[in-house]
Amino acid sequence: MRKETEVSLATDSSSCRAFAQRQGVGRLKHIETKYLWLPQCVKLGMLTMTGVATLLNVWDIGAKKLSKLRRSFLMLLMHGRGGLR
């Protein structure tokens, strides 16, 4: 028995969102064919892509040097979401 699920992918990368919304590769160079499934899934409505605002991007904790206040705020956001996923 198969169940239908809604899939939403959140990213802070505007270039990733732009790539996913493309119809074909256009002027892109050096793209591996194994990544072409993403625009196809978006086009078919199998998944949606949303953006993550910089202010709310909890993954910045592992990627950027942040002030203590900023780290505390992001940790609070993570705690409110039930921890890391």
C-alpha atoms as a PDB file:
ATOM      1  CA  MET A   1       0.000   0.000   0.000  1.00  0.00           C
ATOM      2  CA  ARG A   2       1.512   3.342  -1.094  1.00  0.00           C
ATOM      3  CA  LYS A   3       0.909   6.563   0.746  1.00  0.00           C
ATOM      4  CA  GLU A   4       1.227   9.990  -0.825  1.00  0.00           C
ATOM      5  CA  THR A   5       3.364  12.477   1.090  1.00  0.00           C
ATOM      6  CA  GLU A   6       3.979  16.159   0.658  1.00  0.00           C
ATOM      7  CA  VAL A   7       7.655  17.018   0.488  1.00  0.00           C
ATOM      8  CA  SER A   8       8.991  20.495   1.078  1.00  0.00           C
ATOM      9  CA  LEU A   9      12.683  21.300   0.889  1.00  0.00           C
ATOM     10  CA  ALA A  10      13.941  24.407   2.706  1.00  0.00           C
ATOM     11  CA  THR A  11      17.249  25.975   1.701  1.00  0.00           C
ATOM     12  CA  ASP A  12      19.113  29.205   2.326  1.00  0.00           C
ATOM     13  CA  SER A  13      20.719  29.017  -1.112  1.00  0.00           C
ATOM     14  CA  SER A  14      19.034  31.256  -3.663  1.00  0.00           C
ATOM     15  CA  SER A  15      21.072  29.647  -6.456  1.00  0.00           C
ATOM     16  CA  CYS A  16      19.770  26.210  -5.450  1.00  0.00           C
ATOM     17  CA  ARG A  17      16.184  27.474  -5.537  1.00  0.00           C
ATOM     18  CA  ALA A  18      16.814  29.093  -8.940  1.00  0.00           C
ATOM     19  CA  PHE A  19      18.287  25.839 -10.287  1.00  0.00           C
ATOM     20  CA  ALA A  20      15.292  23.851  -9.034  1.00  0.00           C
ATOM     21  CA  GLN A  21      12.851  26.230 -10.764  1.00  0.00           C
ATOM     22  CA  ARG A  22      14.610  26.015 -14.158  1.00  0.00           C
ATOM     23  CA  GLN A  23      13.162  24.409 -17.248  1.00  0.00           C
ATOM     24  CA  GLY A  24      16.221  22.595 -18.619  1.00  0.00           C
ATOM     25  CA  VAL A  25      19.861  23.494 -17.988  1.00  0.00           C
ATOM     26  CA  GLY A  26      19.901  26.704 -20.048  1.00  0.00           C
ATOM     27  CA  ARG A  27      23.316  28.349 -19.771  1.00  0.00           C
ATOM     28  CA  LEU A  28      24.511  26.230 -16.858  1.00  0.00           C
ATOM     29  CA  LYS A  29      27.901  24.623 -17.332  1.00  0.00           C
ATOM     30  CA  HIS A  30      29.455  21.599 -15.711  1.00  0.00           C
ATOM     31  CA  ILE A  31      26.294  20.227 -14.122  1.00  0.00           C
ATOM     32  CA  GLU A  32      26.311  16.502 -13.441  1.00  0.00           C
ATOM     33  CA  THR A  33      23.284  14.706 -14.824  1.00  0.00           C
ATOM     34  CA  LYS A  34      22.647  13.051 -11.462  1.00  0.00           C
ATOM     35  CA  TYR A  35      21.398  16.426 -10.148  1.00  0.00           C
ATOM     36  CA  LEU A  36      18.768  16.954 -12.848  1.00  0.00           C
ATOM     37  CA  TRP A  37      16.167  15.046 -10.813  1.00  0.00           C
ATOM     38  CA  LEU A  38      15.585  18.110  -8.612  1.00  0.00           C
ATOM     39  CA  PRO A  39      14.084  20.459 -11.256  1.00  0.00           C
ATOM     40  CA  GLN A  40      12.095  17.524 -12.631  1.00  0.00           C
ATOM     41  CA  CYS A  41      10.525  16.803  -9.202  1.00  0.00           C
ATOM     42  CA  VAL A  42       9.635  20.480  -8.745  1.00  0.00           C
ATOM     43  CA  LYS A  43       8.147  20.660 -12.243  1.00  0.00           C
ATOM     44  CA  LEU A  44       6.008  17.568 -11.609  1.00  0.00           C
ATOM     45  CA  GLY A  45       4.832  18.917  -8.251  1.00  0.00           C
ATOM     46  CA  MET A  46       6.472  16.093  -6.300  1.00  0.00           C
ATOM     47  CA  LEU A  47       8.196  18.589  -4.009  1.00  0.00           C
ATOM     48  CA  THR A  48       8.230  22.275  -3.264  1.00  0.00           C
ATOM     49  CA  MET A  49      11.159  24.475  -2.339  1.00  0.00           C
ATOM     50  CA  THR A  50      11.077  27.291   0.174  1.00  0.00           C
ATOM     51  CA  GLY A  51      13.639  29.767   1.381  1.00  0.00           C
ATOM     52  CA  VAL A  52      15.065  30.126   4.869  1.00  0.00           C
ATOM     53  CA  ALA A  53      15.481  33.704   6.080  1.00  0.00           C
ATOM     54  CA  THR A  54      18.998  34.544   7.258  1.00  0.00           C
ATOM     55  CA  LEU A  55      17.660  35.620  10.633  1.00  0.00           C
ATOM     56  CA  LEU A  56      16.065  32.201  11.203  1.00  0.00           C
ATOM     57  CA  ASN A  57      18.761  29.982   9.685  1.00  0.00           C
ATOM     58  CA  VAL A  58      19.771  27.776  12.617  1.00  0.00           C
ATOM     59  CA  TRP A  59      22.351  25.960  10.490  1.00  0.00           C
ATOM     60  CA  ASP A  60      24.528  29.081  10.584  1.00  0.00           C
ATOM     61  CA  ILE A  61      25.699  27.815  13.977  1.00  0.00           C
ATOM     62  CA  GLY A  62      27.859  25.214  12.257  1.00  0.00           C
ATOM     63  CA  ALA A  63      28.897  27.341   9.315  1.00  0.00           C
ATOM     64  CA  LYS A  64      29.737  30.829  10.569  1.00  0.00           C
ATOM     65  CA  LYS A  65      31.485  32.598  13.391  1.00  0.00           C
ATOM     66  CA  LEU A  66      28.661  34.163  15.405  1.00  0.00           C
ATOM     67  CA  SER A  67      28.343  36.456  18.404  1.00  0.00           C
ATOM     68  CA  LYS A  68      27.232  34.969  21.702  1.00  0.00           C
ATOM     69  CA  LEU A  69      23.868  36.744  21.380  1.00  0.00           C
ATOM     70  CA  ARG A  70      23.290  35.354  17.880  1.00  0.00           C
ATOM     71  CA  ARG A  71      24.285  31.818  18.964  1.00  0.00           C
ATOM     72  CA  SER A  72      21.916  32.039  21.935  1.00  0.00           C
ATOM     73  CA  PHE A  73      19.053  33.180  19.705  1.00  0.00           C
ATOM     74  CA  LEU A  74      19.612  30.342  17.221  1.00  0.00           C
ATOM     75  CA  MET A  75      19.904  27.799  20.045  1.00  0.00           C
ATOM     76  CA  LEU A  76      16.572  29.065  21.377  1.00  0.00           C
ATOM     77  CA  LEU A  77      15.046  28.537  17.927  1.00  0.00           C
ATOM     78  CA  MET A  78      16.408  24.999  17.778  1.00  0.00           C
ATOM     79  CA  HIS A  79      15.119  24.211  21.253  1.00  0.00           C
ATOM     80  CA  GLY A  80      11.691  25.492  20.285  1.00  0.00           C
ATOM     81  CA  ARG A  81      11.657  23.164  17.278  1.00  0.00           C
ATOM     82  CA  GLY A  82      12.435  20.115  19.397  1.00  0.00           C
ATOM     83  CA  GLY A  83      16.183  20.016  18.768  1.00  0.00           C
ATOM     84  CA  LEU A  84      18.272  19.275  15.689  1.00  0.00           C
ATOM     85  CA  ARG A  85      16.710  17.235  12.947  1.00  0.00           C
END
